Structures are given as structure tokens and as C-alpha cells.
Amino acid sequence: MGYIVAVQTGVTAAEFDRGPTAAELDAIEAEMPLISAEVDLLDAQITVLDRTPSELDSRRVHRARRRVLAARRELANLSAVVVPEVGA
């Protein structure tokens, strides 16, 4: 009786390859203000899903949107400074 076995080697990563690299952790750390702002916006939007938003709710959503935009702008400016132009 012949057994069916995989001809190729395993495709899962080795044990030492499973964690994020230092560069990936630095990238996450740089994006953390944007991530926090997006979580706050999502929280504000979820709050008003099942009810008519009051003036306070509307302001909270508006402020959260502005924080997301500001964080995106800061991240884009940081990326423009850190990453040199390619092919110049």
C-alpha cells in the first residue's frame, strides 16, 4: 500500500521567523497615533449608530474625524521626510 505524502517541504515559517522584526515594530510605533485616532473615531461612530446623535455626539464624531486627518497628515509628512525620493 502506498502512502500519500507531501513532496514539498513545509510552508510554515520556522519558529524563529514568527515574530515581528525591529523595523516592523518601529513602523507600528510610528503609526500608533493614527491607529489610536481611528479607534476613537470608530468608537464615536458606534456610539451614535442606534440613536439620533445629539449635538455633543456630533461634535465628538467631528473632533475624532479631525484627529484622524491630523494624524494621517503627520504620518505622511514623517514618511516624506524619512523616505528619500527614489529615481531622482
N, C-alpha and C. Protein backbone atom coordinates (compact mmCIF):
# COMPACT_ATOMS: atom_id res chain seq x y z
N MET A 1 0.84 -1.17 0.00
CA MET A 1 0.00 0.00 0.00
C MET A 1 0.89 1.24 0.00
N GLY A 2 0.61 2.18 -0.89
CA GLY A 2 1.40 3.40 -0.97
C GLY A 2 0.75 4.51 -0.15
N TYR A 3 1.59 5.26 0.50
CA TYR A 3 1.09 6.37 1.31
C TYR A 3 1.20 7.66 0.51
N ILE A 4 0.23 8.53 0.69
CA ILE A 4 0.26 9.83 0.04
C ILE A 4 0.95 10.80 1.00
N VAL A 5 2.06 11.37 0.54
CA VAL A 5 2.80 12.31 1.37
C VAL A 5 3.11 13.56 0.55
N ALA A 6 3.40 14.62 1.24
CA ALA A 6 3.75 15.87 0.56
C ALA A 6 5.14 15.75 -0.03
N VAL A 7 5.29 16.19 -1.25
CA VAL A 7 6.58 16.16 -1.91
C VAL A 7 7.39 17.39 -1.53
N GLN A 8 6.71 18.50 -1.31
CA GLN A 8 7.39 19.75 -0.97
C GLN A 8 7.62 19.83 0.53
N THR A 9 8.55 20.69 0.89
CA THR A 9 8.80 20.92 2.32
C THR A 9 7.67 21.76 2.89
N GLY A 10 7.58 21.82 4.17
CA GLY A 10 6.52 22.59 4.83
C GLY A 10 6.59 24.06 4.47
N VAL A 11 5.45 24.69 4.40
CA VAL A 11 5.39 26.09 4.01
C VAL A 11 5.24 27.02 5.21
N THR A 12 5.16 26.47 6.40
CA THR A 12 5.05 27.32 7.58
C THR A 12 6.43 27.85 7.94
N ALA A 13 6.43 28.99 8.56
CA ALA A 13 7.69 29.63 8.92
C ALA A 13 8.36 28.86 10.04
N ALA A 14 9.65 28.97 10.09
CA ALA A 14 10.40 28.37 11.18
C ALA A 14 10.07 29.11 12.47
N GLU A 15 10.35 28.51 13.59
CA GLU A 15 9.99 29.09 14.88
C GLU A 15 10.61 30.48 15.07
N PHE A 16 11.83 30.68 14.64
CA PHE A 16 12.50 31.97 14.83
C PHE A 16 11.98 33.06 13.89
N ASP A 17 11.20 32.72 12.87
CA ASP A 17 10.68 33.68 11.93
C ASP A 17 9.27 34.17 12.27
N ARG A 18 8.71 33.78 13.35
CA ARG A 18 7.32 34.07 13.63
C ARG A 18 7.05 35.46 14.19
N GLY A 19 7.98 36.09 14.83
CA GLY A 19 7.74 37.39 15.45
C GLY A 19 8.04 38.54 14.51
N PRO A 20 7.51 39.73 14.84
CA PRO A 20 7.80 40.90 14.01
C PRO A 20 9.25 41.34 14.18
N THR A 21 9.78 41.92 13.14
CA THR A 21 11.15 42.41 13.19
C THR A 21 11.18 43.76 13.91
N ALA A 22 12.36 44.22 14.20
CA ALA A 22 12.50 45.52 14.85
C ALA A 22 11.99 46.64 13.95
N ALA A 23 12.21 46.52 12.64
CA ALA A 23 11.72 47.53 11.70
C ALA A 23 10.19 47.55 11.67
N GLU A 24 9.58 46.38 11.72
CA GLU A 24 8.11 46.32 11.73
C GLU A 24 7.55 46.92 13.02
N LEU A 25 8.21 46.65 14.14
CA LEU A 25 7.76 47.24 15.41
C LEU A 25 7.92 48.75 15.39
N ASP A 26 8.99 49.25 14.78
CA ASP A 26 9.18 50.70 14.66
C ASP A 26 8.10 51.32 13.79
N ALA A 27 7.74 50.64 12.71
CA ALA A 27 6.68 51.15 11.82
C ALA A 27 5.34 51.19 12.55
N ILE A 28 5.06 50.18 13.33
CA ILE A 28 3.81 50.16 14.12
C ILE A 28 3.83 51.30 15.13
N GLU A 29 4.96 51.50 15.78
CA GLU A 29 5.08 52.58 16.76
C GLU A 29 4.87 53.94 16.11
N ALA A 30 5.38 54.12 14.90
CA ALA A 30 5.21 55.39 14.19
C ALA A 30 3.75 55.61 13.80
N GLU A 31 3.02 54.54 13.52
CA GLU A 31 1.62 54.64 13.10
C GLU A 31 0.65 54.63 14.28
N MET A 32 1.14 54.48 15.49
CA MET A 32 0.26 54.34 16.65
C MET A 32 -0.66 55.54 16.86
N PRO A 33 -0.22 56.80 16.68
CA PRO A 33 -1.18 57.92 16.83
C PRO A 33 -2.35 57.82 15.84
N LEU A 34 -2.08 57.40 14.62
CA LEU A 34 -3.15 57.23 13.64
C LEU A 34 -4.07 56.09 14.04
N ILE A 35 -3.51 55.00 14.50
CA ILE A 35 -4.32 53.86 14.92
C ILE A 35 -5.24 54.27 16.08
N SER A 36 -4.69 54.98 17.05
CA SER A 36 -5.50 55.43 18.20
C SER A 36 -6.61 56.39 17.77
N ALA A 37 -6.28 57.30 16.84
CA ALA A 37 -7.29 58.24 16.35
C ALA A 37 -8.40 57.52 15.60
N GLU A 38 -8.04 56.51 14.81
CA GLU A 38 -9.05 55.75 14.08
C GLU A 38 -9.93 54.94 15.03
N VAL A 39 -9.36 54.42 16.10
CA VAL A 39 -10.15 53.69 17.09
C VAL A 39 -11.12 54.64 17.78
N ASP A 40 -10.66 55.85 18.11
CA ASP A 40 -11.56 56.84 18.72
C ASP A 40 -12.70 57.22 17.79
N LEU A 41 -12.40 57.38 16.50
CA LEU A 41 -13.44 57.70 15.52
C LEU A 41 -14.45 56.56 15.43
N LEU A 42 -13.96 55.35 15.37
CA LEU A 42 -14.85 54.20 15.31
C LEU A 42 -15.73 54.12 16.55
N ASP A 43 -15.15 54.39 17.70
CA ASP A 43 -15.92 54.37 18.94
C ASP A 43 -17.02 55.44 18.92
N ALA A 44 -16.68 56.62 18.42
CA ALA A 44 -17.68 57.69 18.34
C ALA A 44 -18.79 57.34 17.35
N GLN A 45 -18.43 56.72 16.24
CA GLN A 45 -19.43 56.33 15.25
C GLN A 45 -20.32 55.20 15.77
N ILE A 46 -19.75 54.26 16.48
CA ILE A 46 -20.55 53.16 17.05
C ILE A 46 -21.53 53.70 18.08
N THR A 47 -21.11 54.69 18.84
CA THR A 47 -21.97 55.27 19.87
C THR A 47 -23.27 55.82 19.29
N VAL A 48 -23.21 56.40 18.11
CA VAL A 48 -24.40 57.04 17.54
C VAL A 48 -25.15 56.15 16.55
N LEU A 49 -24.77 54.90 16.44
CA LEU A 49 -25.43 54.01 15.49
C LEU A 49 -26.90 53.77 15.80
N ASP A 50 -27.22 53.56 17.06
CA ASP A 50 -28.57 53.15 17.42
C ASP A 50 -29.43 54.28 17.98
N ARG A 51 -28.99 55.50 17.81
CA ARG A 51 -29.79 56.62 18.30
C ARG A 51 -29.53 57.85 17.43
N THR A 52 -30.38 58.82 17.57
CA THR A 52 -30.19 60.08 16.87
C THR A 52 -29.08 60.84 17.58
N PRO A 53 -28.06 61.24 16.85
CA PRO A 53 -26.94 61.92 17.52
C PRO A 53 -27.34 63.28 18.10
N SER A 54 -26.93 63.50 19.31
CA SER A 54 -27.14 64.80 19.93
C SER A 54 -26.06 65.75 19.42
N GLU A 55 -26.13 66.99 19.84
CA GLU A 55 -25.11 67.97 19.45
C GLU A 55 -23.74 67.55 19.98
N LEU A 56 -23.72 67.02 21.18
CA LEU A 56 -22.46 66.55 21.77
C LEU A 56 -21.89 65.37 20.98
N ASP A 57 -22.75 64.44 20.58
CA ASP A 57 -22.32 63.30 19.77
C ASP A 57 -21.75 63.76 18.43
N SER A 58 -22.42 64.71 17.82
CA SER A 58 -21.95 65.23 16.53
C SER A 58 -20.59 65.88 16.66
N ARG A 59 -20.40 66.64 17.72
CA ARG A 59 -19.10 67.27 17.95
C ARG A 59 -18.01 66.23 18.20
N ARG A 60 -18.37 65.19 18.94
CA ARG A 60 -17.39 64.13 19.23
C ARG A 60 -16.95 63.44 17.95
N VAL A 61 -17.88 63.12 17.07
CA VAL A 61 -17.54 62.49 15.79
C VAL A 61 -16.70 63.45 14.94
N HIS A 62 -17.09 64.71 14.93
CA HIS A 62 -16.35 65.70 14.14
C HIS A 62 -14.91 65.85 14.65
N ARG A 63 -14.74 65.94 15.96
CA ARG A 63 -13.39 66.04 16.54
C ARG A 63 -12.57 64.79 16.23
N ALA A 64 -13.19 63.63 16.31
CA ALA A 64 -12.48 62.39 16.03
C ALA A 64 -12.03 62.34 14.57
N ARG A 65 -12.89 62.80 13.66
CA ARG A 65 -12.50 62.86 12.24
C ARG A 65 -11.32 63.79 12.02
N ARG A 66 -11.35 64.94 12.70
CA ARG A 66 -10.24 65.89 12.57
C ARG A 66 -8.95 65.31 13.12
N ARG A 67 -9.04 64.55 14.22
CA ARG A 67 -7.83 63.92 14.78
C ARG A 67 -7.27 62.88 13.82
N VAL A 68 -8.14 62.12 13.15
CA VAL A 68 -7.68 61.13 12.17
C VAL A 68 -6.97 61.84 11.02
N LEU A 69 -7.57 62.90 10.51
CA LEU A 69 -6.95 63.63 9.41
C LEU A 69 -5.61 64.23 9.82
N ALA A 70 -5.54 64.77 11.03
CA ALA A 70 -4.28 65.35 11.51
C ALA A 70 -3.21 64.27 11.67
N ALA A 71 -3.61 63.11 12.19
CA ALA A 71 -2.65 62.02 12.36
C ALA A 71 -2.17 61.50 11.00
N ARG A 72 -3.08 61.42 10.03
CA ARG A 72 -2.68 61.00 8.68
C ARG A 72 -1.71 62.00 8.07
N ARG A 73 -1.99 63.29 8.27
CA ARG A 73 -1.10 64.32 7.74
C ARG A 73 0.28 64.22 8.37
N GLU A 74 0.33 64.05 9.69
CA GLU A 74 1.61 63.94 10.38
C GLU A 74 2.39 62.71 9.91
N LEU A 75 1.68 61.60 9.73
CA LEU A 75 2.34 60.38 9.26
C LEU A 75 2.85 60.54 7.84
N ALA A 76 2.08 61.20 6.99
CA ALA A 76 2.52 61.43 5.62
C ALA A 76 3.73 62.36 5.59
N ASN A 77 3.72 63.39 6.42
CA ASN A 77 4.87 64.30 6.48
C ASN A 77 6.09 63.59 7.03
N LEU A 78 5.90 62.73 8.01
CA LEU A 78 7.01 61.97 8.57
C LEU A 78 7.57 61.01 7.53
N SER A 79 6.70 60.38 6.76
CA SER A 79 7.14 59.46 5.72
C SER A 79 7.89 60.20 4.62
N ALA A 80 7.45 61.39 4.30
CA ALA A 80 8.10 62.17 3.25
C ALA A 80 9.50 62.60 3.66
N VAL A 81 9.70 62.83 4.94
CA VAL A 81 11.00 63.24 5.43
C VAL A 81 11.93 62.06 5.57
N VAL A 82 11.42 60.92 6.04
CA VAL A 82 12.26 59.77 6.33
C VAL A 82 12.65 59.02 5.07
N VAL A 83 11.72 58.86 4.12
CA VAL A 83 11.97 58.07 2.93
C VAL A 83 12.56 58.96 1.83
N PRO A 84 13.78 58.69 1.38
CA PRO A 84 14.33 59.50 0.30
C PRO A 84 13.64 59.22 -1.02
N GLU A 85 13.64 60.20 -1.90
CA GLU A 85 12.99 60.04 -3.20
C GLU A 85 13.78 59.05 -4.04
N VAL A 86 13.07 58.13 -4.67
CA VAL A 86 13.70 57.09 -5.47
C VAL A 86 13.73 57.53 -6.94
N GLY A 87 14.86 57.35 -7.60
CA GLY A 87 14.97 57.65 -9.02
C GLY A 87 15.18 59.12 -9.33
N ALA A 88 15.63 59.89 -8.36
CA ALA A 88 15.81 61.32 -8.61
C ALA A 88 17.13 61.61 -9.24
